[in-house]
Each structure stands twice: as structure tokens, then as C-alpha cells.
Amino acid sequence: EGDFEKWAEFSLRDSKLAERFRATRGL
């Protein structure tokens, strides 16, 4: 659902972590 990247991006305000989480979906 992309929930981890959304959590990192919007709650933690960490775009680098969000990008790393986003990469998991492609794998």
C-alpha cells in the first residue's frame, strides 16, 4: 500500500528513508 514510505515522508519528514522504503516495492 506504500504505507511505510508515506509514514517516513509525511510523519517523519524523511524523504531519504521514504525513498528507501519505496524501493522495496520494486523488488
mmCIF file of all heavy atoms, coordinates in Angstrom:
data_MODEL
# 
_entry.id   MODEL 
# 
loop_
_atom_site.group_PDB 
_atom_site.id 
_atom_site.type_symbol 
_atom_site.label_atom_id 
_atom_site.label_alt_id 
_atom_site.label_comp_id 
_atom_site.label_asym_id 
_atom_site.label_entity_id 
_atom_site.label_seq_id 
_atom_site.pdbx_PDB_ins_code 
_atom_site.Cartn_x 
_atom_site.Cartn_y 
_atom_site.Cartn_z 
_atom_site.occupancy 
_atom_site.B_iso_or_equiv 
_atom_site.pdbx_formal_charge 
_atom_site.auth_seq_id 
_atom_site.auth_comp_id 
_atom_site.auth_asym_id 
_atom_site.auth_atom_id 
_atom_site.pdbx_PDB_model_num 
ATOM 1   N N   . GLU A 1 1  ? 0.815  -1.219 0.000  1.00 0.00 ? 1  GLU A N   1 
ATOM 2   C CA  . GLU A 1 1  ? 0.000  0.000  0.000  1.00 0.00 ? 1  GLU A CA  1 
ATOM 3   C C   . GLU A 1 1  ? 0.852  1.274  0.000  1.00 0.00 ? 1  GLU A C   1 
ATOM 4   O O   . GLU A 1 1  ? 0.318  2.375  -0.111 1.00 0.00 ? 1  GLU A O   1 
ATOM 5   C CB  . GLU A 1 1  ? -0.927 0.019  1.223  1.00 0.00 ? 1  GLU A CB  1 
ATOM 6   C CG  . GLU A 1 1  ? -1.955 -1.087 1.240  1.00 0.00 ? 1  GLU A CG  1 
ATOM 7   C CD  . GLU A 1 1  ? -2.984 -0.926 0.141  1.00 0.00 ? 1  GLU A CD  1 
ATOM 8   O OE1 . GLU A 1 1  ? -3.510 0.196  -0.034 1.00 0.00 ? 1  GLU A OE1 1 
ATOM 9   O OE2 . GLU A 1 1  ? -3.260 -1.930 -0.551 1.00 0.00 ? 1  GLU A OE2 1 
ATOM 10  N N   . GLY A 1 2  ? 2.159  1.117  0.172  1.00 0.00 ? 2  GLY A N   1 
ATOM 11  C CA  . GLY A 1 2  ? 3.045  2.279  0.231  1.00 0.00 ? 2  GLY A CA  1 
ATOM 12  C C   . GLY A 1 2  ? 2.992  2.998  1.566  1.00 0.00 ? 2  GLY A C   1 
ATOM 13  O O   . GLY A 1 2  ? 3.429  4.146  1.682  1.00 0.00 ? 2  GLY A O   1 
ATOM 14  N N   . ASP A 1 3  ? 2.488  2.313  2.580  1.00 0.00 ? 3  ASP A N   1 
ATOM 15  C CA  . ASP A 1 3  ? 2.305  2.953  3.887  1.00 0.00 ? 3  ASP A CA  1 
ATOM 16  C C   . ASP A 1 3  ? 3.626  3.323  4.573  1.00 0.00 ? 3  ASP A C   1 
ATOM 17  O O   . ASP A 1 3  ? 3.703  4.356  5.237  1.00 0.00 ? 3  ASP A O   1 
ATOM 18  C CB  . ASP A 1 3  ? 1.484  2.066  4.817  1.00 0.00 ? 3  ASP A CB  1 
ATOM 19  C CG  . ASP A 1 3  ? 0.045  1.928  4.349  1.00 0.00 ? 3  ASP A CG  1 
ATOM 20  O OD1 . ASP A 1 3  ? -0.435 2.819  3.617  1.00 0.00 ? 3  ASP A OD1 1 
ATOM 21  O OD2 . ASP A 1 3  ? -0.601 0.922  4.713  1.00 0.00 ? 3  ASP A OD2 1 
ATOM 22  N N   . PHE A 1 4  ? 4.661  2.511  4.406  1.00 0.00 ? 4  PHE A N   1 
ATOM 23  C CA  . PHE A 1 4  ? 5.931  2.807  5.071  1.00 0.00 ? 4  PHE A CA  1 
ATOM 24  C C   . PHE A 1 4  ? 6.576  4.053  4.480  1.00 0.00 ? 4  PHE A C   1 
ATOM 25  O O   . PHE A 1 4  ? 7.085  4.902  5.198  1.00 0.00 ? 4  PHE A O   1 
ATOM 26  C CB  . PHE A 1 4  ? 6.886  1.613  5.005  1.00 0.00 ? 4  PHE A CB  1 
ATOM 27  C CG  . PHE A 1 4  ? 6.371  0.423  5.756  1.00 0.00 ? 4  PHE A CG  1 
ATOM 28  C CD1 . PHE A 1 4  ? 6.131  -0.769 5.098  1.00 0.00 ? 4  PHE A CD1 1 
ATOM 29  C CD2 . PHE A 1 4  ? 6.112  0.497  7.108  1.00 0.00 ? 4  PHE A CD2 1 
ATOM 30  C CE1 . PHE A 1 4  ? 5.637  -1.868 5.788  1.00 0.00 ? 4  PHE A CE1 1 
ATOM 31  C CE2 . PHE A 1 4  ? 5.623  -0.587 7.803  1.00 0.00 ? 4  PHE A CE2 1 
ATOM 32  C CZ  . PHE A 1 4  ? 5.385  -1.785 7.137  1.00 0.00 ? 4  PHE A CZ  1 
ATOM 33  N N   . GLU A 1 5  ? 6.544  4.169  3.169  1.00 0.00 ? 5  GLU A N   1 
ATOM 34  C CA  . GLU A 1 5  ? 7.124  5.363  2.546  1.00 0.00 ? 5  GLU A CA  1 
ATOM 35  C C   . GLU A 1 5  ? 6.316  6.610  2.890  1.00 0.00 ? 5  GLU A C   1 
ATOM 36  O O   . GLU A 1 5  ? 6.882  7.676  3.106  1.00 0.00 ? 5  GLU A O   1 
ATOM 37  C CB  . GLU A 1 5  ? 7.259  5.185  1.037  1.00 0.00 ? 5  GLU A CB  1 
ATOM 38  C CG  . GLU A 1 5  ? 5.949  5.021  0.322  1.00 0.00 ? 5  GLU A CG  1 
ATOM 39  C CD  . GLU A 1 5  ? 6.099  4.391  -1.038 1.00 0.00 ? 5  GLU A CD  1 
ATOM 40  O OE1 . GLU A 1 5  ? 6.529  3.229  -1.126 1.00 0.00 ? 5  GLU A OE1 1 
ATOM 41  O OE2 . GLU A 1 5  ? 5.762  5.062  -2.032 1.00 0.00 ? 5  GLU A OE2 1 
ATOM 42  N N   . LYS A 1 6  ? 4.996  6.485  2.987  1.00 0.00 ? 6  LYS A N   1 
ATOM 43  C CA  . LYS A 1 6  ? 4.158  7.628  3.378  1.00 0.00 ? 6  LYS A CA  1 
ATOM 44  C C   . LYS A 1 6  ? 4.456  8.035  4.817  1.00 0.00 ? 6  LYS A C   1 
ATOM 45  O O   . LYS A 1 6  ? 4.531  9.224  5.128  1.00 0.00 ? 6  LYS A O   1 
ATOM 46  C CB  . LYS A 1 6  ? 2.675  7.271  3.236  1.00 0.00 ? 6  LYS A CB  1 
ATOM 47  C CG  . LYS A 1 6  ? 2.231  7.103  1.806  1.00 0.00 ? 6  LYS A CG  1 
ATOM 48  C CD  . LYS A 1 6  ? 0.808  6.579  1.746  1.00 0.00 ? 6  LYS A CD  1 
ATOM 49  C CE  . LYS A 1 6  ? 0.455  6.132  0.344  1.00 0.00 ? 6  LYS A CE  1 
ATOM 50  N NZ  . LYS A 1 6  ? -0.815 5.386  0.307  1.00 0.00 ? 6  LYS A NZ  1 
ATOM 51  N N   . TRP A 1 7  ? 4.617  7.058  5.697  1.00 0.00 ? 7  TRP A N   1 
ATOM 52  C CA  . TRP A 1 7  ? 4.946  7.328  7.101  1.00 0.00 ? 7  TRP A CA  1 
ATOM 53  C C   . TRP A 1 7  ? 6.274  8.074  7.197  1.00 0.00 ? 7  TRP A C   1 
ATOM 54  O O   . TRP A 1 7  ? 6.379  9.092  7.890  1.00 0.00 ? 7  TRP A O   1 
ATOM 55  C CB  . TRP A 1 7  ? 4.988  6.002  7.854  1.00 0.00 ? 7  TRP A CB  1 
ATOM 56  C CG  . TRP A 1 7  ? 5.562  6.067  9.231  1.00 0.00 ? 7  TRP A CG  1 
ATOM 57  C CD1 . TRP A 1 7  ? 5.028  6.715  10.314 1.00 0.00 ? 7  TRP A CD1 1 
ATOM 58  C CD2 . TRP A 1 7  ? 6.765  5.463  9.685  1.00 0.00 ? 7  TRP A CD2 1 
ATOM 59  N NE1 . TRP A 1 7  ? 5.840  6.535  11.419 1.00 0.00 ? 7  TRP A NE1 1 
ATOM 60  C CE2 . TRP A 1 7  ? 6.905  5.775  11.054 1.00 0.00 ? 7  TRP A CE2 1 
ATOM 61  C CE3 . TRP A 1 7  ? 7.733  4.676  9.071  1.00 0.00 ? 7  TRP A CE3 1 
ATOM 62  C CZ2 . TRP A 1 7  ? 7.986  5.329  11.817 1.00 0.00 ? 7  TRP A CZ2 1 
ATOM 63  C CZ3 . TRP A 1 7  ? 8.802  4.231  9.837  1.00 0.00 ? 7  TRP A CZ3 1 
ATOM 64  C CH2 . TRP A 1 7  ? 8.918  4.564  11.191 1.00 0.00 ? 7  TRP A CH2 1 
ATOM 65  N N   . ALA A 1 8  ? 7.277  7.576  6.464  1.00 0.00 ? 8  ALA A N   1 
ATOM 66  C CA  . ALA A 1 8  ? 8.588  8.218  6.506  1.00 0.00 ? 8  ALA A CA  1 
ATOM 67  C C   . ALA A 1 8  ? 8.529  9.629  5.923  1.00 0.00 ? 8  ALA A C   1 
ATOM 68  O O   . ALA A 1 8  ? 9.103  10.564 6.476  1.00 0.00 ? 8  ALA A O   1 
ATOM 69  C CB  . ALA A 1 8  ? 9.615  7.375  5.750  1.00 0.00 ? 8  ALA A CB  1 
ATOM 70  N N   . GLU A 1 9  ? 7.822  9.784  4.820  1.00 0.00 ? 9  GLU A N   1 
ATOM 71  C CA  . GLU A 1 9  ? 7.761  11.077 4.130  1.00 0.00 ? 9  GLU A CA  1 
ATOM 72  C C   . GLU A 1 9  ? 6.958  12.122 4.911  1.00 0.00 ? 9  GLU A C   1 
ATOM 73  O O   . GLU A 1 9  ? 7.408  13.246 5.112  1.00 0.00 ? 9  GLU A O   1 
ATOM 74  C CB  . GLU A 1 9  ? 7.138  10.889 2.746  1.00 0.00 ? 9  GLU A CB  1 
ATOM 75  C CG  . GLU A 1 9  ? 7.097  12.147 1.904  1.00 0.00 ? 9  GLU A CG  1 
ATOM 76  C CD  . GLU A 1 9  ? 8.444  12.507 1.302  1.00 0.00 ? 9  GLU A CD  1 
ATOM 77  O OE1 . GLU A 1 9  ? 9.211  11.606 0.950  1.00 0.00 ? 9  GLU A OE1 1 
ATOM 78  O OE2 . GLU A 1 9  ? 8.714  13.719 1.193  1.00 0.00 ? 9  GLU A OE2 1 
ATOM 79  N N   . PHE A 1 10 ? 5.776  11.743 5.354  1.00 0.00 ? 10 PHE A N   1 
ATOM 80  C CA  . PHE A 1 10 ? 4.865  12.735 5.931  1.00 0.00 ? 10 PHE A CA  1 
ATOM 81  C C   . PHE A 1 10 ? 4.885  12.820 7.450  1.00 0.00 ? 10 PHE A C   1 
ATOM 82  O O   . PHE A 1 10 ? 4.692  13.896 8.004  1.00 0.00 ? 10 PHE A O   1 
ATOM 83  C CB  . PHE A 1 10 ? 3.446  12.491 5.422  1.00 0.00 ? 10 PHE A CB  1 
ATOM 84  C CG  . PHE A 1 10 ? 3.351  12.571 3.924  1.00 0.00 ? 10 PHE A CG  1 
ATOM 85  C CD1 . PHE A 1 10 ? 3.124  11.435 3.166  1.00 0.00 ? 10 PHE A CD1 1 
ATOM 86  C CD2 . PHE A 1 10 ? 3.536  13.780 3.273  1.00 0.00 ? 10 PHE A CD2 1 
ATOM 87  C CE1 . PHE A 1 10 ? 3.059  11.509 1.775  1.00 0.00 ? 10 PHE A CE1 1 
ATOM 88  C CE2 . PHE A 1 10 ? 3.478  13.871 1.888  1.00 0.00 ? 10 PHE A CE2 1 
ATOM 89  C CZ  . PHE A 1 10 ? 3.249  12.730 1.148  1.00 0.00 ? 10 PHE A CZ  1 
ATOM 90  N N   . SER A 1 11 ? 5.115  11.716 8.138  1.00 0.00 ? 11 SER A N   1 
ATOM 91  C CA  . SER A 1 11 ? 5.171  11.762 9.601  1.00 0.00 ? 11 SER A CA  1 
ATOM 92  C C   . SER A 1 11 ? 6.580  12.057 10.102 1.00 0.00 ? 11 SER A C   1 
ATOM 93  O O   . SER A 1 11 ? 6.763  12.895 10.978 1.00 0.00 ? 11 SER A O   1 
ATOM 94  C CB  . SER A 1 11 ? 4.681  10.443 10.198 1.00 0.00 ? 11 SER A CB  1 
ATOM 95  O OG  . SER A 1 11 ? 3.321  10.241 9.903  1.00 0.00 ? 11 SER A OG  1 
ATOM 96  N N   . LEU A 1 12 ? 7.557  11.361 9.542  1.00 0.00 ? 12 LEU A N   1 
ATOM 97  C CA  . LEU A 1 12 ? 8.945  11.567 9.966  1.00 0.00 ? 12 LEU A CA  1 
ATOM 98  C C   . LEU A 1 12 ? 9.629  12.690 9.198  1.00 0.00 ? 12 LEU A C   1 
ATOM 99  O O   . LEU A 1 12 ? 10.683 13.167 9.608  1.00 0.00 ? 12 LEU A O   1 
ATOM 100 C CB  . LEU A 1 12 ? 9.748  10.273 9.787  1.00 0.00 ? 12 LEU A CB  1 
ATOM 101 C CG  . LEU A 1 12 ? 9.253  9.062  10.562 1.00 0.00 ? 12 LEU A CG  1 
ATOM 102 C CD1 . LEU A 1 12 ? 10.113 7.851  10.242 1.00 0.00 ? 12 LEU A CD1 1 
ATOM 103 C CD2 . LEU A 1 12 ? 9.231  9.330  12.053 1.00 0.00 ? 12 LEU A CD2 1 
ATOM 104 N N   . ARG A 1 13 ? 9.048  13.080 8.071  1.00 0.00 ? 13 ARG A N   1 
ATOM 105 C CA  . ARG A 1 13 ? 9.615  14.109 7.190  1.00 0.00 ? 13 ARG A CA  1 
ATOM 106 C C   . ARG A 1 13 ? 11.039 13.744 6.762  1.00 0.00 ? 13 ARG A C   1 
ATOM 107 O O   . ARG A 1 13 ? 11.942 14.573 6.752  1.00 0.00 ? 13 ARG A O   1 
ATOM 108 C CB  . ARG A 1 13 ? 9.566  15.483 7.841  1.00 0.00 ? 13 ARG A CB  1 
ATOM 109 C CG  . ARG A 1 13 ? 8.157  15.943 8.129  1.00 0.00 ? 13 ARG A CG  1 
ATOM 110 C CD  . ARG A 1 13 ? 8.130  17.328 8.727  1.00 0.00 ? 13 ARG A CD  1 
ATOM 111 N NE  . ARG A 1 13 ? 6.801  17.692 9.132  1.00 0.00 ? 13 ARG A NE  1 
ATOM 112 C CZ  . ARG A 1 13 ? 5.949  18.371 8.365  1.00 0.00 ? 13 ARG A CZ  1 
ATOM 113 N NH1 . ARG A 1 13 ? 6.290  18.735 7.158  1.00 0.00 ? 13 ARG A NH1 1 
ATOM 114 N NH2 . ARG A 1 13 ? 4.754  18.673 8.816  1.00 0.00 ? 13 ARG A NH2 1 
ATOM 115 N N   . ASP A 1 14 ? 11.194 12.484 6.380  1.00 0.00 ? 14 ASP A N   1 
ATOM 116 C CA  . ASP A 1 14 ? 12.494 11.967 5.965  1.00 0.00 ? 14 ASP A CA  1 
ATOM 117 C C   . ASP A 1 14 ? 12.357 11.398 4.547  1.00 0.00 ? 14 ASP A C   1 
ATOM 118 O O   . ASP A 1 14 ? 12.000 10.232 4.364  1.00 0.00 ? 14 ASP A O   1 
ATOM 119 C CB  . ASP A 1 14 ? 12.967 10.896 6.945  1.00 0.00 ? 14 ASP A CB  1 
ATOM 120 C CG  . ASP A 1 14 ? 14.402 10.456 6.698  1.00 0.00 ? 14 ASP A CG  1 
ATOM 121 O OD1 . ASP A 1 14 ? 14.896 10.595 5.558  1.00 0.00 ? 14 ASP A OD1 1 
ATOM 122 O OD2 . ASP A 1 14 ? 15.024 9.952  7.652  1.00 0.00 ? 14 ASP A OD2 1 
ATOM 123 N N   . SER A 1 15 ? 12.655 12.211 3.571  1.00 0.00 ? 15 SER A N   1 
ATOM 124 C CA  . SER A 1 15 ? 12.484 11.793 2.182  1.00 0.00 ? 15 SER A CA  1 
ATOM 125 C C   . SER A 1 15 ? 13.485 10.707 1.780  1.00 0.00 ? 15 SER A C   1 
ATOM 126 O O   . SER A 1 15 ? 13.179 9.868  0.929  1.00 0.00 ? 15 SER A O   1 
ATOM 127 C CB  . SER A 1 15 ? 12.592 12.988 1.241  1.00 0.00 ? 15 SER A CB  1 
ATOM 128 O OG  . SER A 1 15 ? 13.849 13.612 1.366  1.00 0.00 ? 15 SER A OG  1 
ATOM 129 N N   . LYS A 1 16 ? 14.652 10.685 2.390  1.00 0.00 ? 16 LYS A N   1 
ATOM 130 C CA  . LYS A 1 16 ? 15.635 9.639  2.069  1.00 0.00 ? 16 LYS A CA  1 
ATOM 131 C C   . LYS A 1 16 ? 15.147 8.271  2.535  1.00 0.00 ? 16 LYS A C   1 
ATOM 132 O O   . LYS A 1 16 ? 15.260 7.284  1.810  1.00 0.00 ? 16 LYS A O   1 
ATOM 133 C CB  . LYS A 1 16 ? 17.000 9.959  2.683  1.00 0.00 ? 16 LYS A CB  1 
ATOM 134 C CG  . LYS A 1 16 ? 17.685 11.115 2.002  1.00 0.00 ? 16 LYS A CG  1 
ATOM 135 C CD  . LYS A 1 16 ? 19.047 11.361 2.576  1.00 0.00 ? 16 LYS A CD  1 
ATOM 136 C CE  . LYS A 1 16 ? 19.686 12.554 1.875  1.00 0.00 ? 16 LYS A CE  1 
ATOM 137 N NZ  . LYS A 1 16 ? 21.046 12.801 2.361  1.00 0.00 ? 16 LYS A NZ  1 
ATOM 138 N N   . LEU A 1 17 ? 14.607 8.212  3.738  1.00 0.00 ? 17 LEU A N   1 
ATOM 139 C CA  . LEU A 1 17 ? 14.069 6.949  4.228  1.00 0.00 ? 17 LEU A CA  1 
ATOM 140 C C   . LEU A 1 17 ? 12.850 6.550  3.399  1.00 0.00 ? 17 LEU A C   1 
ATOM 141 O O   . LEU A 1 17 ? 12.681 5.376  3.058  1.00 0.00 ? 17 LEU A O   1 
ATOM 142 C CB  . LEU A 1 17 ? 13.706 7.042  5.707  1.00 0.00 ? 17 LEU A CB  1 
ATOM 143 C CG  . LEU A 1 17 ? 13.168 5.768  6.347  1.00 0.00 ? 17 LEU A CG  1 
ATOM 144 C CD1 . LEU A 1 17 ? 14.150 4.613  6.211  1.00 0.00 ? 17 LEU A CD1 1 
ATOM 145 C CD2 . LEU A 1 17 ? 12.826 6.019  7.815  1.00 0.00 ? 17 LEU A CD2 1 
ATOM 146 N N   . ALA A 1 18 ? 12.032 7.512  3.046  1.00 0.00 ? 18 ALA A N   1 
ATOM 147 C CA  . ALA A 1 18 ? 10.861 7.223  2.210  1.00 0.00 ? 18 ALA A CA  1 
ATOM 148 C C   . ALA A 1 18 ? 11.285 6.600  0.885  1.00 0.00 ? 18 ALA A C   1 
ATOM 149 O O   . ALA A 1 18 ? 10.677 5.628  0.418  1.00 0.00 ? 18 ALA A O   1 
ATOM 150 C CB  . ALA A 1 18 ? 10.049 8.491  1.967  1.00 0.00 ? 18 ALA A CB  1 
ATOM 151 N N   . GLU A 1 19 ? 12.326 7.124  0.297  1.00 0.00 ? 19 GLU A N   1 
ATOM 152 C CA  . GLU A 1 19 ? 12.815 6.594  -0.982 1.00 0.00 ? 19 GLU A CA  1 
ATOM 153 C C   . GLU A 1 19 ? 13.324 5.161  -0.823 1.00 0.00 ? 19 GLU A C   1 
ATOM 154 O O   . GLU A 1 19 ? 13.086 4.311  -1.678 1.00 0.00 ? 19 GLU A O   1 
ATOM 155 C CB  . GLU A 1 19 ? 13.922 7.491  -1.539 1.00 0.00 ? 19 GLU A CB  1 
ATOM 156 C CG  . GLU A 1 19 ? 14.360 7.117  -2.919 1.00 0.00 ? 19 GLU A CG  1 
ATOM 157 C CD  . GLU A 1 19 ? 13.240 7.122  -3.944 1.00 0.00 ? 19 GLU A CD  1 
ATOM 158 O OE1 . GLU A 1 19 ? 12.373 8.014  -3.907 1.00 0.00 ? 19 GLU A OE1 1 
ATOM 159 O OE2 . GLU A 1 19 ? 13.223 6.207  -4.795 1.00 0.00 ? 19 GLU A OE2 1 
ATOM 160 N N   . ARG A 1 20 ? 13.994 4.888  0.271  1.00 0.00 ? 20 ARG A N   1 
ATOM 161 C CA  . ARG A 1 20 ? 14.468 3.523  0.519  1.00 0.00 ? 20 ARG A CA  1 
ATOM 162 C C   . ARG A 1 20 ? 13.311 2.558  0.701  1.00 0.00 ? 20 ARG A C   1 
ATOM 163 O O   . ARG A 1 20 ? 13.334 1.436  0.201  1.00 0.00 ? 20 ARG A O   1 
ATOM 164 C CB  . ARG A 1 20 ? 15.392 3.497  1.725  1.00 0.00 ? 20 ARG A CB  1 
ATOM 165 C CG  . ARG A 1 20 ? 16.699 4.201  1.440  1.00 0.00 ? 20 ARG A CG  1 
ATOM 166 C CD  . ARG A 1 20 ? 17.601 4.255  2.636  1.00 0.00 ? 20 ARG A CD  1 
ATOM 167 N NE  . ARG A 1 20 ? 18.721 5.136  2.323  1.00 0.00 ? 20 ARG A NE  1 
ATOM 168 C CZ  . ARG A 1 20 ? 19.570 5.586  3.211  1.00 0.00 ? 20 ARG A CZ  1 
ATOM 169 N NH1 . ARG A 1 20 ? 19.449 5.249  4.476  1.00 0.00 ? 20 ARG A NH1 1 
ATOM 170 N NH2 . ARG A 1 20 ? 20.560 6.376  2.854  1.00 0.00 ? 20 ARG A NH2 1 
ATOM 171 N N   . PHE A 1 21 ? 12.293 3.006  1.432  1.00 0.00 ? 21 PHE A N   1 
ATOM 172 C CA  . PHE A 1 21 ? 11.111 2.161  1.591  1.00 0.00 ? 21 PHE A CA  1 
ATOM 173 C C   . PHE A 1 21 ? 10.395 1.984  0.247  1.00 0.00 ? 21 PHE A C   1 
ATOM 174 O O   . PHE A 1 21 ? 9.904  0.901  -0.062 1.00 0.00 ? 21 PHE A O   1 
ATOM 175 C CB  . PHE A 1 21 ? 10.154 2.758  2.622  1.00 0.00 ? 21 PHE A CB  1 
ATOM 176 C CG  . PHE A 1 21 ? 10.596 2.584  4.054  1.00 0.00 ? 21 PHE A CG  1 
ATOM 177 C CD1 . PHE A 1 21 ? 10.097 3.428  5.031  1.00 0.00 ? 21 PHE A CD1 1 
ATOM 178 C CD2 . PHE A 1 21 ? 11.491 1.609  4.437  1.00 0.00 ? 21 PHE A CD2 1 
ATOM 179 C CE1 . PHE A 1 21 ? 10.468 3.281  6.364  1.00 0.00 ? 21 PHE A CE1 1 
ATOM 180 C CE2 . PHE A 1 21 ? 11.886 1.447  5.760  1.00 0.00 ? 21 PHE A CE2 1 
ATOM 181 C CZ  . PHE A 1 21 ? 11.364 2.298  6.729  1.00 0.00 ? 21 PHE A CZ  1 
ATOM 182 N N   . ARG A 1 22 ? 10.339 3.015  -0.550 1.00 0.00 ? 22 ARG A N   1 
ATOM 183 C CA  . ARG A 1 22 ? 9.698  2.956  -1.863 1.00 0.00 ? 22 ARG A CA  1 
ATOM 184 C C   . ARG A 1 22 ? 10.384 1.904  -2.745 1.00 0.00 ? 22 ARG A C   1 
ATOM 185 O O   . ARG A 1 22 ? 9.736  1.195  -3.499 1.00 0.00 ? 22 ARG A O   1 
ATOM 186 C CB  . ARG A 1 22 ? 9.734  4.328  -2.520 1.00 0.00 ? 22 ARG A CB  1 
ATOM 187 C CG  . ARG A 1 22 ? 8.898  4.478  -3.738 1.00 0.00 ? 22 ARG A CG  1 
ATOM 188 C CD  . ARG A 1 22 ? 8.840  5.928  -4.239 1.00 0.00 ? 22 ARG A CD  1 
ATOM 189 N NE  . ARG A 1 22 ? 8.123  6.772  -3.272 1.00 0.00 ? 22 ARG A NE  1 
ATOM 190 C CZ  . ARG A 1 22 ? 8.672  7.755  -2.556 1.00 0.00 ? 22 ARG A CZ  1 
ATOM 191 N NH1 . ARG A 1 22 ? 9.940  8.083  -2.704 1.00 0.00 ? 22 ARG A NH1 1 
ATOM 192 N NH2 . ARG A 1 22 ? 7.952  8.451  -1.701 1.00 0.00 ? 22 ARG A NH2 1 
ATOM 193 N N   . ALA A 1 23 ? 11.679 1.803  -2.609 1.00 0.00 ? 23 ALA A N   1 
ATOM 194 C CA  . ALA A 1 23 ? 12.453 0.849  -3.416 1.00 0.00 ? 23 ALA A CA  1 
ATOM 195 C C   . ALA A 1 23 ? 12.055 -0.600 -3.134 1.00 0.00 ? 23 ALA A C   1 
ATOM 196 O O   . ALA A 1 23 ? 12.178 -1.451 -4.017 1.00 0.00 ? 23 ALA A O   1 
ATOM 197 C CB  . ALA A 1 23 ? 13.942 1.041  -3.158 1.00 0.00 ? 23 ALA A CB  1 
ATOM 198 N N   . THR A 1 24 ? 11.560 -0.881 -1.948 1.00 0.00 ? 24 THR A N   1 
ATOM 199 C CA  . THR A 1 24 ? 11.196 -2.264 -1.618 1.00 0.00 ? 24 THR A CA  1 
ATOM 200 C C   . THR A 1 24 ? 10.068 -2.759 -2.506 1.00 0.00 ? 24 THR A C   1 
ATOM 201 O O   . THR A 1 24 ? 10.022 -3.936 -2.839 1.00 0.00 ? 24 THR A O   1 
ATOM 202 C CB  . THR A 1 24 ? 10.744 -2.412 -0.151 1.00 0.00 ? 24 THR A CB  1 
ATOM 203 O OG1 . THR A 1 24 ? 9.575  -1.640 0.079  1.00 0.00 ? 24 THR A OG1 1 
ATOM 204 C CG2 . THR A 1 24 ? 11.834 -2.026 0.805  1.00 0.00 ? 24 THR A CG2 1 
ATOM 205 N N   . ARG A 1 25 ? 9.191  -1.880 -2.904 1.00 0.00 ? 25 ARG A N   1 
ATOM 206 C CA  . ARG A 1 25 ? 8.058  -2.326 -3.721 1.00 0.00 ? 25 ARG A CA  1 
ATOM 207 C C   . ARG A 1 25 ? 8.517  -2.790 -5.092 1.00 0.00 ? 25 ARG A C   1 
ATOM 208 O O   . ARG A 1 25 ? 7.972  -3.714 -5.651 1.00 0.00 ? 25 ARG A O   1 
ATOM 209 C CB  . ARG A 1 25 ? 7.000  -1.232 -3.813 1.00 0.00 ? 25 ARG A CB  1 
ATOM 210 C CG  . ARG A 1 25 ? 6.348  -1.031 -2.446 1.00 0.00 ? 25 ARG A CG  1 
ATOM 211 C CD  . ARG A 1 25 ? 5.101  -0.216 -2.464 1.00 0.00 ? 25 ARG A CD  1 
ATOM 212 N NE  . ARG A 1 25 ? 5.369  1.151  -2.856 1.00 0.00 ? 25 ARG A NE  1 
ATOM 213 C CZ  . ARG A 1 25 ? 4.572  1.852  -3.639 1.00 0.00 ? 25 ARG A CZ  1 
ATOM 214 N NH1 . ARG A 1 25 ? 3.485  1.334  -4.127 1.00 0.00 ? 25 ARG A NH1 1 
ATOM 215 N NH2 . ARG A 1 25 ? 4.873  3.104  -3.927 1.00 0.00 ? 25 ARG A NH2 1 
ATOM 216 N N   . GLY A 1 26 ? 9.545  -2.164 -5.629 1.00 0.00 ? 26 GLY A N   1 
ATOM 217 C CA  . GLY A 1 26 ? 10.075 -2.583 -6.918 1.00 0.00 ? 26 GLY A CA  1 
ATOM 218 C C   . GLY A 1 26 ? 10.795 -3.920 -6.863 1.00 0.00 ? 26 GLY A C   1 
ATOM 219 O O   . GLY A 1 26 ? 10.915 -4.614 -7.864 1.00 0.00 ? 26 GLY A O   1 
ATOM 220 N N   . LEU A 1 27 ? 11.258 -4.281 -5.679 1.00 0.00 ? 27 LEU A N   1 
ATOM 221 C CA  . LEU A 1 27 ? 11.979 -5.543 -5.511 1.00 0.00 ? 27 LEU A CA  1 
ATOM 222 C C   . LEU A 1 27 ? 11.050 -6.726 -5.292 1.00 0.00 ? 27 LEU A C   1 
ATOM 223 O O   . LEU A 1 27 ? 11.477 -7.874 -5.353 1.00 0.00 ? 27 LEU A O   1 
ATOM 224 C CB  . LEU A 1 27 ? 12.950 -5.431 -4.323 1.00 0.00 ? 27 LEU A CB  1 
ATOM 225 C CG  . LEU A 1 27 ? 14.026 -4.358 -4.446 1.00 0.00 ? 27 LEU A CG  1 
ATOM 226 C CD1 . LEU A 1 27 ? 14.813 -4.256 -3.143 1.00 0.00 ? 27 LEU A CD1 1 
ATOM 227 C CD2 . LEU A 1 27 ? 14.946 -4.656 -5.616 1.00 0.00 ? 27 LEU A CD2 1 
# 
